[in-house]
Amino acid sequence: MSATPACLLTAPDLPSDPVDIRLVVTDMDGTLLDGSGRIPDGLWPLLAELRRRGVLFSPASGRQYATLARQFADADDGMVFVAENGTYVVRDGVELSSDPLDPAVAARVIGTTRRLAADGVDVGAVLCGKNSAYVERTDDAFMAEASRYYALLKPVDDLTTVEDEFLKVALFDFGPVERTTAPALEPLTATHQVVVSGEHWVDIMNRTANKGAALRRLQRDLGITPAQTLAFGDYLNDLEMLDAAEWSFAMTNAHPDVVRRARYLAPPNTENGVLRTITRLMHLPTG
C-alpha cells in the first residue's frame, strides 16, 4: 500500500475494462464535498445508478451520524453511514457496530482541553455521544464551527457530568492543531488514538477505532472483498480506510501522508474528483 500513487487521468495501469466494485466508501470534507462544503449536484443521479447496479455507497466521516443522515436524507435507503471516524456505523437507523470510549478517558481529555484554554490556546471540546454531541464552550465562533459537523449539539455547564455512551472527543483549535493541541495530547497515544482529522480538528478515540476497522467489519458482514472496494480520502483519519481497499484514491489536494499511502490519485474535491473517478472506473454514463 505504500506504492507511489499514479495520476487517475493518465495512469497506464488503470484497467480499460469496468472494475467490479461492490462498495464505494468516501470521506466527506475535502473529498466528496466541494470547495464550499456542499454535496455536488451530480452525486444524486450517480447514487441512483449505483443502487441500480447493486453497489453500496457509504459516507465515512468524522461527522456525527445525525449530520450525515440529514445530508443524505433523500437518498439514504440502505446506505451505510460510517460516522464519528468509524466509532459508530449505522444502516437504515440500526446500529451495525460501535466502539465506545471510556468516560474516564473522555474526562481526561476534557481536563486537558480546559488547561490548554487556560494557557491561552483558542480551543474547545466536543464530547461525541450516541444520543447527541455536547459542548461547554458556547461562544458564537466556536459554535459555528462545531455545528457544521454536529447536527445534534447540546450546550451543557460541565462536560464531565454528561450521561451518554461516548464515541470520541473532538477538539477544535482555531490555530493549526498539529502545533499546539495535538502535542498536548501526546501522553494519550500510548493507549488511545489521537488523530488529526483536519487542519483544526483532532479526535481522541479507542485504539481499535478508525474508519478502516469499521470498513473491514462491514466488508466481512456483506461478503465484499477489498478488491471490490473503492475508497477516497484526503486526511490522516482516512489512512486505515485506504488500507482496506485495493482501489484506494487520495485526492490530489490531500495531506502528503495520505497521497503516499493511497494507490492512486483522484482529481481534487473542487473538481468533482470522487464522482469523476467512480464514473471512469465503473464506465458509468456521464450524462
C-alpha atoms as a PDB file:
ATOM      1  CA  MET A   1       0.000   0.000   0.000  1.00  0.00           C
ATOM      2  CA  SER A   2       3.000   2.291   0.067  1.00  0.00           C
ATOM      3  CA  ALA A   3       3.456   2.448  -3.695  1.00  0.00           C
ATOM      4  CA  THR A   4       3.689   5.883  -5.218  1.00  0.00           C
ATOM      5  CA  PRO A   5       0.207   6.851  -6.455  1.00  0.00           C
ATOM      6  CA  ALA A   6      -0.460   7.171 -10.165  1.00  0.00           C
ATOM      7  CA  CYS A   7      -2.499  10.039 -11.518  1.00  0.00           C
ATOM      8  CA  LEU A   8      -6.020   8.926 -12.310  1.00  0.00           C
ATOM      9  CA  LEU A   9      -6.239  10.778 -15.594  1.00  0.00           C
ATOM     10  CA  THR A  10      -3.001   9.458 -17.114  1.00  0.00           C
ATOM     11  CA  ALA A  11      -2.102   6.211 -15.319  1.00  0.00           C
ATOM     12  CA  PRO A  12      -1.364   3.451 -17.814  1.00  0.00           C
ATOM     13  CA  ASP A  13      -2.014   0.714 -15.243  1.00  0.00           C
ATOM     14  CA  LEU A  14      -5.686   1.524 -14.660  1.00  0.00           C
ATOM     15  CA  PRO A  15      -7.815  -1.108 -16.409  1.00  0.00           C
ATOM     16  CA  SER A  16      -9.606  -0.262 -19.627  1.00  0.00           C
ATOM     17  CA  ASP A  17     -12.496  -2.560 -18.694  1.00  0.00           C
ATOM     18  CA  PRO A  18     -15.033  -1.667 -15.994  1.00  0.00           C
ATOM     19  CA  VAL A  19     -13.930  -2.572 -12.469  1.00  0.00           C
ATOM     20  CA  ASP A  20     -16.142  -4.871 -10.362  1.00  0.00           C
ATOM     21  CA  ILE A  21     -16.897  -2.521  -7.486  1.00  0.00           C
ATOM     22  CA  ARG A  22     -19.456  -3.530  -4.855  1.00  0.00           C
ATOM     23  CA  LEU A  23     -18.750  -0.886  -2.214  1.00  0.00           C
ATOM     24  CA  VAL A  24     -17.804   2.796  -2.516  1.00  0.00           C
ATOM     25  CA  VAL A  25     -16.608   4.470   0.676  1.00  0.00           C
ATOM     26  CA  THR A  26     -15.740   8.149   0.749  1.00  0.00           C
ATOM     27  CA  ASP A  27     -14.677  10.752   3.238  1.00  0.00           C
ATOM     28  CA  MET A  28     -16.709  13.943   3.177  1.00  0.00           C
ATOM     29  CA  ASP A  29     -14.777  17.162   3.907  1.00  0.00           C
ATOM     30  CA  GLY A  30     -12.013  17.796   1.399  1.00  0.00           C
ATOM     31  CA  THR A  31     -13.012  14.672  -0.520  1.00  0.00           C
ATOM     32  CA  LEU A  32     -16.645  14.333  -1.633  1.00  0.00           C
ATOM     33  CA  LEU A  33     -17.805  17.831  -0.672  1.00  0.00           C
ATOM     34  CA  ASP A  34     -16.942  20.683  -2.999  1.00  0.00           C
ATOM     35  CA  GLY A  35     -14.908  23.748  -2.119  1.00  0.00           C
ATOM     36  CA  SER A  36     -17.951  25.307  -0.450  1.00  0.00           C
ATOM     37  CA  GLY A  37     -18.619  22.243   1.681  1.00  0.00           C
ATOM     38  CA  ARG A  38     -21.622  21.102  -0.367  1.00  0.00           C
ATOM     39  CA  ILE A  39     -22.518  17.732  -1.852  1.00  0.00           C
ATOM     40  CA  PRO A  40     -22.061  18.001  -5.639  1.00  0.00           C
ATOM     41  CA  ASP A  41     -25.364  18.006  -7.533  1.00  0.00           C
ATOM     42  CA  GLY A  42     -24.087  15.212  -9.746  1.00  0.00           C
ATOM     43  CA  LEU A  43     -23.947  12.782  -6.845  1.00  0.00           C
ATOM     44  CA  TRP A  44     -27.709  12.195  -6.705  1.00  0.00           C
ATOM     45  CA  PRO A  45     -28.144  10.647 -10.185  1.00  0.00           C
ATOM     46  CA  LEU A  46     -24.888   8.751  -9.618  1.00  0.00           C
ATOM     47  CA  LEU A  47     -26.266   7.253  -6.393  1.00  0.00           C
ATOM     48  CA  ALA A  48     -29.359   6.099  -8.274  1.00  0.00           C
ATOM     49  CA  GLU A  49     -27.188   4.388 -10.873  1.00  0.00           C
ATOM     50  CA  LEU A  50     -25.009   2.734  -8.244  1.00  0.00           C
ATOM     51  CA  ARG A  51     -28.093   1.455  -6.433  1.00  0.00           C
ATOM     52  CA  ARG A  52     -29.464   0.092  -9.713  1.00  0.00           C
ATOM     53  CA  ARG A  53     -26.222  -1.862 -10.162  1.00  0.00           C
ATOM     54  CA  GLY A  54     -26.245  -3.185  -6.610  1.00  0.00           C
ATOM     55  CA  VAL A  55     -23.308  -1.047  -5.447  1.00  0.00           C
ATOM     56  CA  LEU A  56     -23.399   0.186  -1.852  1.00  0.00           C
ATOM     57  CA  PHE A  57     -22.373   3.798  -1.243  1.00  0.00           C
ATOM     58  CA  SER A  58     -21.074   4.669   2.215  1.00  0.00           C
ATOM     59  CA  PRO A  59     -20.108   8.114   3.542  1.00  0.00           C
ATOM     60  CA  ALA A  60     -17.258   7.712   6.061  1.00  0.00           C
ATOM     61  CA  SER A  61     -16.593  10.787   8.127  1.00  0.00           C
ATOM     62  CA  GLY A  62     -15.612  12.275  11.429  1.00  0.00           C
ATOM     63  CA  ARG A  63     -19.043  13.871  11.293  1.00  0.00           C
ATOM     64  CA  GLN A  64     -21.879  12.832  13.565  1.00  0.00           C
ATOM     65  CA  TYR A  65     -24.331  10.193  12.348  1.00  0.00           C
ATOM     66  CA  ALA A  66     -27.226  12.641  12.666  1.00  0.00           C
ATOM     67  CA  THR A  67     -25.363  15.113  10.460  1.00  0.00           C
ATOM     68  CA  LEU A  68     -24.667  12.529   7.757  1.00  0.00           C
ATOM     69  CA  ALA A  69     -28.234  11.237   7.874  1.00  0.00           C
ATOM     70  CA  ARG A  70     -29.523  14.773   7.396  1.00  0.00           C
ATOM     71  CA  GLN A  71     -27.212  15.395   4.439  1.00  0.00           C
ATOM     72  CA  PHE A  72     -28.360  12.218   2.680  1.00  0.00           C
ATOM     73  CA  ALA A  73     -31.975  12.240   3.863  1.00  0.00           C
ATOM     74  CA  ASP A  74     -33.367  11.955   0.324  1.00  0.00           C
ATOM     75  CA  ALA A  75     -31.157   9.019  -0.688  1.00  0.00           C
ATOM     76  CA  ASP A  76     -30.337   7.087   2.472  1.00  0.00           C
ATOM     77  CA  ASP A  77     -32.339   3.890   1.848  1.00  0.00           C
ATOM     78  CA  GLY A  78     -29.910   1.028   2.519  1.00  0.00           C
ATOM     79  CA  MET A  79     -26.957   3.408   2.818  1.00  0.00           C
ATOM     80  CA  VAL A  80     -24.329   2.616   5.457  1.00  0.00           C
ATOM     81  CA  PHE A  81     -23.027   5.588   7.431  1.00  0.00           C
ATOM     82  CA  VAL A  82     -19.546   5.258   8.923  1.00  0.00           C
ATOM     83  CA  ALA A  83     -19.759   8.100  11.422  1.00  0.00           C
ATOM     84  CA  GLU A  84     -17.500   9.590  14.092  1.00  0.00           C
ATOM     85  CA  ASN A  85     -14.353   8.285  12.372  1.00  0.00           C
ATOM     86  CA  GLY A  86     -15.596   4.704  12.411  1.00  0.00           C
ATOM     87  CA  THR A  87     -16.702   4.539  16.026  1.00  0.00           C
ATOM     88  CA  TYR A  88     -20.386   4.363  15.022  1.00  0.00           C
ATOM     89  CA  VAL A  89     -21.735   2.537  11.952  1.00  0.00           C
ATOM     90  CA  VAL A  90     -25.444   2.713  11.129  1.00  0.00           C
ATOM     91  CA  ARG A  91     -27.661   1.394   8.348  1.00  0.00           C
ATOM     92  CA  ASP A  92     -31.328   2.313   7.990  1.00  0.00           C
ATOM     93  CA  GLY A  93     -31.298   3.693  11.523  1.00  0.00           C
ATOM     94  CA  VAL A  94     -29.942   0.450  13.007  1.00  0.00           C
ATOM     95  CA  GLU A  95     -26.530   0.318  14.672  1.00  0.00           C
ATOM     96  CA  LEU A  96     -24.185  -2.144  12.977  1.00  0.00           C
ATOM     97  CA  SER A  97     -21.165  -1.538  15.187  1.00  0.00           C
ATOM     98  CA  SER A  98     -19.710   0.905  17.688  1.00  0.00           C
ATOM     99  CA  ASP A  99     -16.562   1.327  19.755  1.00  0.00           C
ATOM    100  CA  PRO A 100     -17.449   3.346  22.885  1.00  0.00           C
ATOM    101  CA  LEU A 101     -14.876   5.408  24.741  1.00  0.00           C
ATOM    102  CA  ASP A 102     -14.297   5.013  28.486  1.00  0.00           C
ATOM    103  CA  PRO A 103     -15.883   8.029  30.268  1.00  0.00           C
ATOM    104  CA  ALA A 104     -12.726   8.370  32.386  1.00  0.00           C
ATOM    105  CA  VAL A 105     -10.677   8.908  29.222  1.00  0.00           C
ATOM    106  CA  ALA A 106     -13.189  11.443  27.971  1.00  0.00           C
ATOM    107  CA  ALA A 107     -12.907  13.305  31.281  1.00  0.00           C
ATOM    108  CA  ARG A 108      -9.116  13.295  30.978  1.00  0.00           C
ATOM    109  CA  VAL A 109      -9.303  14.866  27.523  1.00  0.00           C
ATOM    110  CA  ILE A 110     -11.766  17.462  28.760  1.00  0.00           C
ATOM    111  CA  GLY A 111      -9.353  18.350  31.567  1.00  0.00           C
ATOM    112  CA  THR A 112      -6.513  18.756  29.062  1.00  0.00           C
ATOM    113  CA  THR A 113      -8.697  20.998  26.924  1.00  0.00           C
ATOM    114  CA  ARG A 114      -9.522  23.205  29.881  1.00  0.00           C
ATOM    115  CA  ARG A 115      -5.840  23.555  30.784  1.00  0.00           C
ATOM    116  CA  LEU A 116      -4.934  24.463  27.207  1.00  0.00           C
ATOM    117  CA  ALA A 117      -7.664  27.104  27.149  1.00  0.00           C
ATOM    118  CA  ALA A 118      -6.464  28.498  30.483  1.00  0.00           C
ATOM    119  CA  ASP A 119      -2.981  28.821  28.954  1.00  0.00           C
ATOM    120  CA  GLY A 120      -4.341  30.877  26.075  1.00  0.00           C
ATOM    121  CA  VAL A 121      -4.918  28.240  23.386  1.00  0.00           C
ATOM    122  CA  ASP A 122      -8.096  29.013  21.435  1.00  0.00           C
ATOM    123  CA  VAL A 123      -9.545  25.510  21.694  1.00  0.00           C
ATOM    124  CA  GLY A 124     -12.797  23.818  22.664  1.00  0.00           C
ATOM    125  CA  ALA A 125     -14.021  20.250  23.096  1.00  0.00           C
ATOM    126  CA  VAL A 126     -16.969  18.421  21.561  1.00  0.00           C
ATOM    127  CA  LEU A 127     -17.955  15.336  23.537  1.00  0.00           C
ATOM    128  CA  CYS A 128     -19.493  12.976  20.994  1.00  0.00           C
ATOM    129  CA  GLY A 129     -22.175  10.612  22.276  1.00  0.00           C
ATOM    130  CA  LYS A 130     -24.617   8.307  20.547  1.00  0.00           C
ATOM    131  CA  ASN A 131     -27.577  10.481  21.503  1.00  0.00           C
ATOM    132  CA  SER A 132     -26.008  13.886  20.888  1.00  0.00           C
ATOM    133  CA  ALA A 133     -22.800  15.871  20.881  1.00  0.00           C
ATOM    134  CA  TYR A 134     -22.122  18.140  23.863  1.00  0.00           C
ATOM    135  CA  VAL A 135     -20.142  21.353  24.384  1.00  0.00           C
ATOM    136  CA  GLU A 136     -19.417  23.606  27.319  1.00  0.00           C
ATOM    137  CA  ARG A 137     -17.793  26.306  25.197  1.00  0.00           C
ATOM    138  CA  THR A 138     -20.645  28.270  23.619  1.00  0.00           C
ATOM    139  CA  ASP A 139     -19.250  31.436  22.028  1.00  0.00           C
ATOM    140  CA  ASP A 140     -20.542  32.145  18.538  1.00  0.00           C
ATOM    141  CA  ALA A 141     -17.266  31.426  16.735  1.00  0.00           C
ATOM    142  CA  PHE A 142     -16.811  28.001  18.302  1.00  0.00           C
ATOM    143  CA  MET A 143     -20.469  27.030  17.951  1.00  0.00           C
ATOM    144  CA  ALA A 144     -20.377  27.971  14.269  1.00  0.00           C
ATOM    145  CA  GLU A 145     -17.518  25.528  13.691  1.00  0.00           C
ATOM    146  CA  ALA A 146     -18.964  22.727  15.806  1.00  0.00           C
ATOM    147  CA  SER A 147     -22.445  22.967  14.330  1.00  0.00           C
ATOM    148  CA  ARG A 148     -21.058  22.361  10.841  1.00  0.00           C
ATOM    149  CA  TYR A 149     -20.323  18.762  11.818  1.00  0.00           C
ATOM    150  CA  TYR A 150     -22.792  18.057  14.626  1.00  0.00           C
ATOM    151  CA  ALA A 151     -26.487  18.408  13.814  1.00  0.00           C
ATOM    152  CA  LEU A 152     -27.364  17.396  17.373  1.00  0.00           C
ATOM    153  CA  LEU A 153     -25.314  19.696  19.581  1.00  0.00           C
ATOM    154  CA  LYS A 154     -26.254  20.370  23.194  1.00  0.00           C
ATOM    155  CA  PRO A 155     -24.605  23.043  25.384  1.00  0.00           C
ATOM    156  CA  VAL A 156     -24.002  21.915  28.972  1.00  0.00           C
ATOM    157  CA  ASP A 157     -22.424  23.538  32.006  1.00  0.00           C
ATOM    158  CA  ASP A 158     -19.947  20.705  32.657  1.00  0.00           C
ATOM    159  CA  LEU A 159     -18.985  18.063  30.112  1.00  0.00           C
ATOM    160  CA  THR A 160     -17.798  15.700  32.823  1.00  0.00           C
ATOM    161  CA  THR A 161     -21.365  15.346  34.130  1.00  0.00           C
ATOM    162  CA  VAL A 162     -22.923  14.252  30.821  1.00  0.00           C
ATOM    163  CA  GLU A 163     -24.560  10.828  30.740  1.00  0.00           C
ATOM    164  CA  ASP A 164     -24.397   9.114  27.360  1.00  0.00           C
ATOM    165  CA  GLU A 165     -22.415   6.404  25.595  1.00  0.00           C
ATOM    166  CA  PHE A 166     -19.397   8.289  24.249  1.00  0.00           C
ATOM    167  CA  LEU A 167     -17.746   7.596  20.915  1.00  0.00           C
ATOM    168  CA  LYS A 168     -14.903  10.119  20.854  1.00  0.00           C
ATOM    169  CA  VAL A 169     -13.846  13.573  21.950  1.00  0.00           C
ATOM    170  CA  ALA A 170     -13.174  16.055  19.162  1.00  0.00           C
ATOM    171  CA  LEU A 171     -11.155  19.202  19.816  1.00  0.00           C
ATOM    172  CA  PHE A 172     -11.313  22.266  17.600  1.00  0.00           C
ATOM    173  CA  ASP A 173      -8.290  24.575  17.682  1.00  0.00           C
ATOM    174  CA  PHE A 174      -8.600  27.886  15.858  1.00  0.00           C
ATOM    175  CA  GLY A 175      -4.868  27.641  15.201  1.00  0.00           C
ATOM    176  CA  PRO A 176      -3.035  24.767  13.478  1.00  0.00           C
ATOM    177  CA  VAL A 177      -3.960  21.778  15.625  1.00  0.00           C
ATOM    178  CA  GLU A 178      -0.728  19.905  14.864  1.00  0.00           C
ATOM    179  CA  ARG A 179       1.304  22.647  16.584  1.00  0.00           C
ATOM    180  CA  THR A 180      -0.460  23.053  19.924  1.00  0.00           C
ATOM    181  CA  THR A 181      -3.404  20.843  20.796  1.00  0.00           C
ATOM    182  CA  ALA A 182      -2.225  17.547  19.282  1.00  0.00           C
ATOM    183  CA  PRO A 183       1.170  17.654  21.079  1.00  0.00           C
ATOM    184  CA  ALA A 184      -0.585  18.279  24.396  1.00  0.00           C
ATOM    185  CA  LEU A 185      -2.456  15.007  23.894  1.00  0.00           C
ATOM    186  CA  GLU A 186       0.706  13.007  23.251  1.00  0.00           C
ATOM    187  CA  PRO A 187       0.535  11.115  26.598  1.00  0.00           C
ATOM    188  CA  LEU A 188      -2.729   9.526  25.456  1.00  0.00           C
ATOM    189  CA  THR A 189      -1.159   7.970  22.375  1.00  0.00           C
ATOM    190  CA  ALA A 190       0.212   5.097  24.474  1.00  0.00           C
ATOM    191  CA  THR A 191      -3.302   3.772  24.997  1.00  0.00           C
ATOM    192  CA  HIS A 192      -5.615   5.603  22.591  1.00  0.00           C
ATOM    193  CA  GLN A 193      -5.733   7.126  19.137  1.00  0.00           C
ATOM    194  CA  VAL A 194      -5.065  10.824  18.776  1.00  0.00           C
ATOM    195  CA  VAL A 195      -5.907  11.503  15.159  1.00  0.00           C
ATOM    196  CA  VAL A 196      -5.533  14.813  13.344  1.00  0.00           C
ATOM    197  CA  SER A 197      -8.641  14.821  11.158  1.00  0.00           C
ATOM    198  CA  GLY A 198      -8.281  18.305   9.695  1.00  0.00           C
ATOM    199  CA  GLU A 199      -6.207  21.461   9.948  1.00  0.00           C
ATOM    200  CA  HIS A 200      -8.111  22.492  13.077  1.00  0.00           C
ATOM    201  CA  TRP A 201      -9.546  19.208  14.409  1.00  0.00           C
ATOM    202  CA  VAL A 202      -8.074  16.362  16.439  1.00  0.00           C
ATOM    203  CA  ASP A 203     -10.070  13.332  17.588  1.00  0.00           C
ATOM    204  CA  ILE A 204      -9.426  11.059  20.568  1.00  0.00           C
ATOM    205  CA  MET A 205     -10.817   7.522  20.253  1.00  0.00           C
ATOM    206  CA  ASN A 206     -10.108   3.973  21.298  1.00  0.00           C
ATOM    207  CA  ARG A 207      -7.032   2.440  19.740  1.00  0.00           C
ATOM    208  CA  THR A 208      -9.256  -0.097  17.987  1.00  0.00           C
ATOM    209  CA  ALA A 209     -11.452   2.574  16.406  1.00  0.00           C
ATOM    210  CA  ASN A 210     -10.867   4.012  12.944  1.00  0.00           C
ATOM    211  CA  LYS A 211     -12.553   4.161   9.574  1.00  0.00           C
ATOM    212  CA  GLY A 212     -10.508   1.214   8.354  1.00  0.00           C
ATOM    213  CA  ALA A 213     -11.582  -1.078  11.188  1.00  0.00           C
ATOM    214  CA  ALA A 214     -15.207  -0.146  10.558  1.00  0.00           C
ATOM    215  CA  LEU A 215     -14.789  -0.761   6.838  1.00  0.00           C
ATOM    216  CA  ARG A 216     -13.224  -4.202   7.362  1.00  0.00           C
ATOM    217  CA  ARG A 217     -16.107  -5.233   9.621  1.00  0.00           C
ATOM    218  CA  LEU A 218     -18.556  -4.014   7.003  1.00  0.00           C
ATOM    219  CA  GLN A 219     -16.753  -5.957   4.268  1.00  0.00           C
ATOM    220  CA  ARG A 220     -16.895  -9.146   6.336  1.00  0.00           C
ATOM    221  CA  ASP A 221     -20.590  -8.684   7.129  1.00  0.00           C
ATOM    222  CA  LEU A 222     -21.511  -8.057   3.493  1.00  0.00           C
ATOM    223  CA  GLY A 223     -19.141 -10.539   1.869  1.00  0.00           C
ATOM    224  CA  ILE A 224     -17.353  -7.800  -0.061  1.00  0.00           C
ATOM    225  CA  THR A 225     -13.607  -8.041  -0.685  1.00  0.00           C
ATOM    226  CA  PRO A 226     -11.005  -5.261  -0.658  1.00  0.00           C
ATOM    227  CA  ALA A 227     -10.674  -5.836  -4.416  1.00  0.00           C
ATOM    228  CA  GLN A 228     -14.346  -4.870  -4.754  1.00  0.00           C
ATOM    229  CA  THR A 229     -13.965  -1.772  -2.592  1.00  0.00           C
ATOM    230  CA  LEU A 230     -13.305   1.773  -3.812  1.00  0.00           C
ATOM    231  CA  ALA A 231     -12.259   4.299  -1.153  1.00  0.00           C
ATOM    232  CA  PHE A 232     -11.475   8.023  -1.215  1.00  0.00           C
ATOM    233  CA  GLY A 233      -9.800  10.193   1.409  1.00  0.00           C
ATOM    234  CA  ASP A 234      -7.776  13.318   1.970  1.00  0.00           C
ATOM    235  CA  TYR A 235      -6.647  13.479   5.605  1.00  0.00           C
ATOM    236  CA  LEU A 236      -4.894  11.442   8.293  1.00  0.00           C
ATOM    237  CA  ASN A 237      -8.085   9.910   9.669  1.00  0.00           C
ATOM    238  CA  ASP A 238      -8.558   8.245   6.267  1.00  0.00           C
ATOM    239  CA  LEU A 239      -5.317   6.254   6.214  1.00  0.00           C
ATOM    240  CA  GLU A 240      -6.620   2.953   7.613  1.00  0.00           C
ATOM    241  CA  MET A 241      -9.693   3.167   5.380  1.00  0.00           C
ATOM    242  CA  LEU A 242      -7.493   3.431   2.316  1.00  0.00           C
ATOM    243  CA  ASP A 243      -5.526   0.397   3.500  1.00  0.00           C
ATOM    244  CA  ALA A 244      -8.744  -1.645   3.499  1.00  0.00           C
ATOM    245  CA  ALA A 245      -9.493  -1.005  -0.186  1.00  0.00           C
ATOM    246  CA  GLU A 246      -7.477  -2.142  -3.186  1.00  0.00           C
ATOM    247  CA  TRP A 247      -8.954   0.761  -5.139  1.00  0.00           C
ATOM    248  CA  SER A 248      -7.721   3.476  -2.791  1.00  0.00           C
ATOM    249  CA  PHE A 249      -7.597   7.060  -4.004  1.00  0.00           C
ATOM    250  CA  ALA A 250      -6.151  10.149  -2.376  1.00  0.00           C
ATOM    251  CA  MET A 251      -7.399  13.476  -3.634  1.00  0.00           C
ATOM    252  CA  THR A 252      -4.641  15.425  -5.339  1.00  0.00           C
ATOM    253  CA  ASN A 253      -5.016  18.126  -2.672  1.00  0.00           C
ATOM    254  CA  ALA A 254      -4.760  15.563   0.156  1.00  0.00           C
ATOM    255  CA  HIS A 255      -2.335  15.554   3.084  1.00  0.00           C
ATOM    256  CA  PRO A 256       1.089  14.316   1.843  1.00  0.00           C
ATOM    257  CA  ASP A 257       0.919  11.217   4.067  1.00  0.00           C
ATOM    258  CA  VAL A 258      -2.404  10.271   2.506  1.00  0.00           C
ATOM    259  CA  VAL A 259      -1.024  10.735  -1.004  1.00  0.00           C
ATOM    260  CA  ARG A 260       1.867   8.405  -0.151  1.00  0.00           C
ATOM    261  CA  ARG A 261      -0.450   5.783   1.363  1.00  0.00           C
ATOM    262  CA  ALA A 262      -3.056   5.554  -1.415  1.00  0.00           C
ATOM    263  CA  ARG A 263      -2.593   3.506  -4.569  1.00  0.00           C
ATOM    264  CA  TYR A 264      -3.900   6.207  -6.906  1.00  0.00           C
ATOM    265  CA  LEU A 265      -4.724   9.891  -7.111  1.00  0.00           C
ATOM    266  CA  ALA A 266      -8.130  11.354  -7.881  1.00  0.00           C
ATOM    267  CA  PRO A 267      -8.774  14.906  -9.084  1.00  0.00           C
ATOM    268  CA  PRO A 268      -9.327  17.367  -6.207  1.00  0.00           C
ATOM    269  CA  ASN A 269     -12.648  17.721  -4.441  1.00  0.00           C
ATOM    270  CA  THR A 270     -13.025  21.143  -6.054  1.00  0.00           C
ATOM    271  CA  GLU A 271     -13.180  19.368  -9.438  1.00  0.00           C
ATOM    272  CA  ASN A 272     -15.658  16.602  -8.534  1.00  0.00           C
ATOM    273  CA  GLY A 273     -12.820  14.115  -8.147  1.00  0.00           C
ATOM    274  CA  VAL A 274     -14.872  11.413  -6.422  1.00  0.00           C
ATOM    275  CA  LEU A 275     -17.673  11.470  -8.976  1.00  0.00           C
ATOM    276  CA  ARG A 276     -15.302  11.541 -11.924  1.00  0.00           C
ATOM    277  CA  THR A 277     -13.290   8.635 -10.593  1.00  0.00           C
ATOM    278  CA  ILE A 278     -16.306   6.428  -9.884  1.00  0.00           C
ATOM    279  CA  THR A 279     -17.705   7.177 -13.328  1.00  0.00           C
ATOM    280  CA  ARG A 280     -14.475   6.353 -15.088  1.00  0.00           C
ATOM    281  CA  LEU A 281     -13.563   3.186 -13.185  1.00  0.00           C
ATOM    282  CA  MET A 282     -17.045   1.694 -13.498  1.00  0.00           C
ATOM    283  CA  HIS A 283     -17.742   3.021 -17.011  1.00  0.00           C
ATOM    284  CA  LEU A 284     -20.938   4.697 -15.873  1.00  0.00           C
ATOM    285  CA  PRO A 285     -22.949   7.036 -18.102  1.00  0.00           C
ATOM    286  CA  THR A 286     -21.808  10.650 -17.851  1.00  0.00           C
ATOM    287  CA  GLY A 287     -24.936  12.380 -18.997  1.00  0.00           C
END
